[in-house]
C-alpha atoms as a PDB file:
ATOM      1  CA  MET A   1      65.581 -30.544  11.376  1.00  0.00           C
ATOM      2  CA  SER A   2      68.537 -28.854  13.053  1.00  0.00           C
ATOM      3  CA  GLN A   3      70.815 -26.153  11.680  1.00  0.00           C
ATOM      4  CA  GLU A   4      73.598 -28.747  11.321  1.00  0.00           C
ATOM      5  CA  GLU A   5      71.372 -31.190   9.426  1.00  0.00           C
ATOM      6  CA  LEU A   6      70.266 -28.422   7.070  1.00  0.00           C
ATOM      7  CA  ARG A   7      73.901 -27.346   6.607  1.00  0.00           C
ATOM      8  CA  GLU A   8      74.876 -30.905   5.624  1.00  0.00           C
ATOM      9  CA  LEU A   9      71.966 -31.130   3.192  1.00  0.00           C
ATOM     10  CA  TYR A  10      72.925 -27.756   1.698  1.00  0.00           C
ATOM     11  CA  CYS A  11      76.593 -28.728   1.305  1.00  0.00           C
ATOM     12  CA  ALA A  12      75.592 -31.952  -0.428  1.00  0.00           C
ATOM     13  CA  ARG A  13      73.352 -29.992  -2.809  1.00  0.00           C
ATOM     14  CA  LEU A  14      76.222 -27.667  -3.706  1.00  0.00           C
ATOM     15  CA  GLU A  15      77.900 -30.605  -5.404  1.00  0.00           C
ATOM     16  CA  LYS A  16      75.103 -30.496  -8.032  1.00  0.00           C
ATOM     17  CA  GLU A  17      73.999 -26.846  -8.084  1.00  0.00           C
ATOM     18  CA  LYS A  18      75.699 -23.491  -7.857  1.00  0.00           C
ATOM     19  CA  GLN A  19      75.290 -21.326  -4.798  1.00  0.00           C
ATOM     20  CA  CYS A  20      74.289 -18.347  -6.945  1.00  0.00           C
ATOM     21  CA  TYR A  21      71.342 -20.340  -8.361  1.00  0.00           C
ATOM     22  CA  ILE A  22      70.156 -21.395  -4.894  1.00  0.00           C
ATOM     23  CA  ALA A  23      70.493 -17.788  -3.706  1.00  0.00           C
ATOM     24  CA  LYS A  24      68.411 -16.544  -6.630  1.00  0.00           C
ATOM     25  CA  VAL A  25      65.649 -19.120  -6.175  1.00  0.00           C
ATOM     26  CA  THR A  26      65.392 -18.805  -2.373  1.00  0.00           C
ATOM     27  CA  GLY A  27      65.981 -15.066  -2.126  1.00  0.00           C
ATOM     28  CA  ILE A  28      68.784 -15.619   0.416  1.00  0.00           C
ATOM     29  CA  SER A  29      71.922 -13.626  -0.337  1.00  0.00           C
ATOM     30  CA  LYS A  30      75.085 -15.419  -1.441  1.00  0.00           C
ATOM     31  CA  PRO A  31      77.156 -14.030   1.483  1.00  0.00           C
ATOM     32  CA  VAL A  32      74.623 -15.346   4.006  1.00  0.00           C
ATOM     33  CA  LEU A  33      74.590 -18.775   2.344  1.00  0.00           C
ATOM     34  CA  SER A  34      78.373 -18.816   2.275  1.00  0.00           C
ATOM     35  CA  LYS A  35      78.646 -17.963   5.968  1.00  0.00           C
ATOM     36  CA  PHE A  36      76.036 -20.608   6.761  1.00  0.00           C
ATOM     37  CA  ARG A  37      77.880 -23.214   4.693  1.00  0.00           C
ATOM     38  CA  ASN A  38      81.141 -22.451   6.503  1.00  0.00           C
ATOM     39  CA  ASN A  39      79.471 -22.734   9.930  1.00  0.00           C
ATOM     40  CA  LYS A  40      80.029 -19.055  10.757  1.00  0.00           C
ATOM     41  CA  ILE A  41      76.348 -18.268  11.304  1.00  0.00           C
ATOM     42  CA  ASP A  42      73.031 -19.996  11.893  1.00  0.00           C
ATOM     43  CA  LEU A  43      70.123 -18.908   9.743  1.00  0.00           C
ATOM     44  CA  TYR A  44      67.247 -16.872  11.108  1.00  0.00           C
ATOM     45  CA  PRO A  45      64.074 -18.990  11.323  1.00  0.00           C
ATOM     46  CA  TYR A  46      62.485 -17.438   8.218  1.00  0.00           C
ATOM     47  CA  LEU A  47      65.636 -18.042   6.147  1.00  0.00           C
ATOM     48  CA  PHE A  48      65.960 -21.540   7.584  1.00  0.00           C
ATOM     49  CA  GLU A  49      62.411 -22.301   6.430  1.00  0.00           C
ATOM     50  CA  LYS A  50      63.077 -20.955   2.925  1.00  0.00           C
ATOM     51  CA  LEU A  51      66.241 -23.023   2.474  1.00  0.00           C
ATOM     52  CA  GLU A  52      64.732 -26.125   4.043  1.00  0.00           C
ATOM     53  CA  ALA A  53      61.669 -25.920   1.786  1.00  0.00           C
ATOM     54  CA  TYR A  54      63.832 -25.501  -1.312  1.00  0.00           C
ATOM     55  CA  LEU A  55      66.178 -28.364  -0.446  1.00  0.00           C
ATOM     56  CA  LEU A  56      63.394 -30.768   0.503  1.00  0.00           C
ATOM     57  CA  GLU A  57      61.152 -29.928  -2.465  1.00  0.00           C
ATOM     58  CA  ASN A  58      63.915 -30.181  -5.057  1.00  0.00           C
ATOM     59  CA  HIS A  59      65.873 -33.251  -4.035  1.00  0.00           C
END
């Protein structure tokens, strides 16, 4: 999965869940998730794996 594919999956999930909940569950800070969502940064591999696992497990 690419950064862009994960970003699209994350943005779609935000229609159902709040960013603060996803941040709490994954351990990724809200500012990092916000910057990722707005295409300002790409996630480090370990953060990418955390978010990918959460989004794929809880769809």
